[in-house]
Amino acid sequence: MRYKYEDGNLNLNLDEELDMKSCKLLRTVMDGYIMKYQPKECIIDLSEVKFMDSSGIGLILGRYNLLKLIDSKMTIINPSGSVKRLLEVSNISNNITLRCE
């Protein structure tokens, strides 16, 4: 994972599979950046994520809830086809902006 904080936005570029094993560590790291920077918006780039299961959905929803507590927004950008379908089926886009660039 890579991150960049600029102009009130926290950009998180995830570059691994989002499964139960990887999400445990990612959850802690992402929460740390969110609490450190308290961004206006957190933008999560999924362009390099080739696989995501329900643990990935839980990871995203948990970070969304944390951001909501600090009055922040979340945007997910560039999901691959299969990841995008999973996000759509889980109705995640009801609360989180989903952008394909």
Protein backbone atom coordinates (compact mmCIF):
# COMPACT_ATOMS: atom_id res chain seq x y z
CA MET A 1 0.00 0.00 0.00
CA ARG A 2 1.13 3.51 -0.79
CA TYR A 3 -0.35 6.70 0.58
CA LYS A 4 -0.22 10.42 -0.04
CA TYR A 5 -1.81 13.22 1.96
CA GLU A 6 -2.36 16.47 0.09
CA ASP A 7 -4.82 19.36 0.35
CA GLY A 8 -6.96 17.60 2.94
CA ASN A 9 -7.25 14.40 0.90
CA LEU A 10 -5.77 11.07 1.91
CA ASN A 11 -5.01 8.88 -1.12
CA LEU A 12 -4.52 5.18 -0.41
CA ASN A 13 -3.32 2.99 -3.27
CA LEU A 14 -3.91 -0.66 -2.44
CA ASP A 15 -1.73 -3.05 -4.38
CA GLU A 16 -2.49 -6.52 -3.08
CA GLU A 17 -5.32 -9.02 -2.84
CA LEU A 18 -7.94 -8.03 -0.29
CA ASP A 19 -8.52 -11.28 1.57
CA MET A 20 -8.70 -12.25 5.24
CA LYS A 21 -4.91 -12.44 5.64
CA SER A 22 -4.03 -9.08 4.07
CA CYS A 23 -6.97 -7.16 5.53
CA LYS A 24 -5.84 -7.68 9.13
CA LEU A 25 -2.69 -5.62 8.63
CA LEU A 26 -4.25 -3.17 6.18
CA ARG A 27 -7.02 -2.34 8.66
CA THR A 28 -4.49 -1.21 11.28
CA VAL A 29 -2.35 0.75 8.82
CA MET A 30 -5.31 2.48 7.15
CA ASP A 31 -6.86 3.41 10.50
CA GLY A 32 -3.54 4.91 11.57
CA TYR A 33 -3.37 7.17 8.51
CA ILE A 34 -7.01 8.17 8.84
CA MET A 35 -6.62 9.13 12.50
CA LYS A 36 -3.30 10.89 11.90
CA TYR A 37 -4.47 13.07 9.01
CA GLN A 38 -8.25 13.30 9.67
CA PRO A 39 -8.84 13.96 5.95
CA LYS A 40 -11.81 15.71 4.35
CA GLU A 41 -11.89 12.84 1.87
CA CYS A 42 -10.23 9.44 1.69
CA ILE A 43 -9.67 8.21 -1.85
CA ILE A 44 -8.96 4.50 -2.17
CA ASP A 45 -7.42 3.43 -5.48
CA LEU A 46 -8.15 -0.23 -6.25
CA SER A 47 -6.63 -0.31 -9.75
CA GLU A 48 -3.96 -2.83 -8.68
CA VAL A 49 -6.32 -5.07 -6.68
CA LYS A 50 -7.01 -8.18 -8.74
CA PHE A 51 -8.94 -10.14 -6.08
CA MET A 52 -11.22 -9.17 -3.24
CA ASP A 53 -13.47 -11.29 -1.05
CA SER A 54 -15.88 -10.43 1.77
CA SER A 55 -12.94 -9.45 3.99
CA GLY A 56 -12.18 -6.65 1.52
CA ILE A 57 -15.79 -5.47 1.69
CA GLY A 58 -15.52 -5.48 5.49
CA LEU A 59 -12.25 -3.55 5.31
CA ILE A 60 -13.81 -0.85 3.14
CA LEU A 61 -17.01 -0.59 5.20
CA GLY A 62 -15.06 -0.38 8.45
CA ARG A 63 -12.92 2.48 7.11
CA TYR A 64 -16.08 4.17 5.79
CA ASN A 65 -17.62 4.02 9.28
CA LEU A 66 -14.45 5.45 10.83
CA LEU A 67 -14.41 8.28 8.27
CA LYS A 68 -18.07 8.98 8.95
CA LEU A 69 -17.24 9.49 12.64
CA ILE A 70 -14.83 12.29 11.74
CA ASP A 71 -17.24 13.77 9.16
CA SER A 72 -15.18 12.63 6.17
CA LYS A 73 -16.09 11.19 2.77
CA MET A 74 -14.83 8.10 0.98
CA THR A 75 -14.32 7.59 -2.74
CA ILE A 76 -13.21 4.36 -4.38
CA ILE A 77 -11.53 4.73 -7.75
CA ASN A 78 -10.44 2.43 -10.56
CA PRO A 79 -11.66 -0.99 -9.41
CA SER A 80 -11.00 -3.87 -11.82
CA GLY A 81 -14.02 -5.50 -13.44
CA SER A 82 -14.42 -8.32 -10.92
CA VAL A 83 -13.81 -6.03 -7.92
CA LYS A 84 -16.29 -3.49 -9.29
CA ARG A 85 -18.94 -6.22 -9.67
CA LEU A 86 -18.40 -7.31 -6.06
CA LEU A 87 -18.72 -3.71 -4.85
CA GLU A 88 -21.92 -3.24 -6.84
CA VAL A 89 -23.47 -6.50 -5.61
CA SER A 90 -22.71 -5.53 -2.01
CA ASN A 91 -24.51 -2.17 -2.55
CA ILE A 92 -21.45 -0.32 -1.29
CA SER A 93 -22.09 2.48 -3.77
CA ASN A 94 -25.20 3.48 -1.81
CA ASN A 95 -22.92 5.21 0.70
CA ILE A 96 -19.50 5.42 -0.97
CA THR A 97 -18.72 7.18 -4.23
CA LEU A 98 -17.46 4.69 -6.84
CA ARG A 99 -15.51 6.24 -9.72
CA CYS A 100 -14.07 4.44 -12.72
CA GLU A 101 -11.53 6.61 -14.52
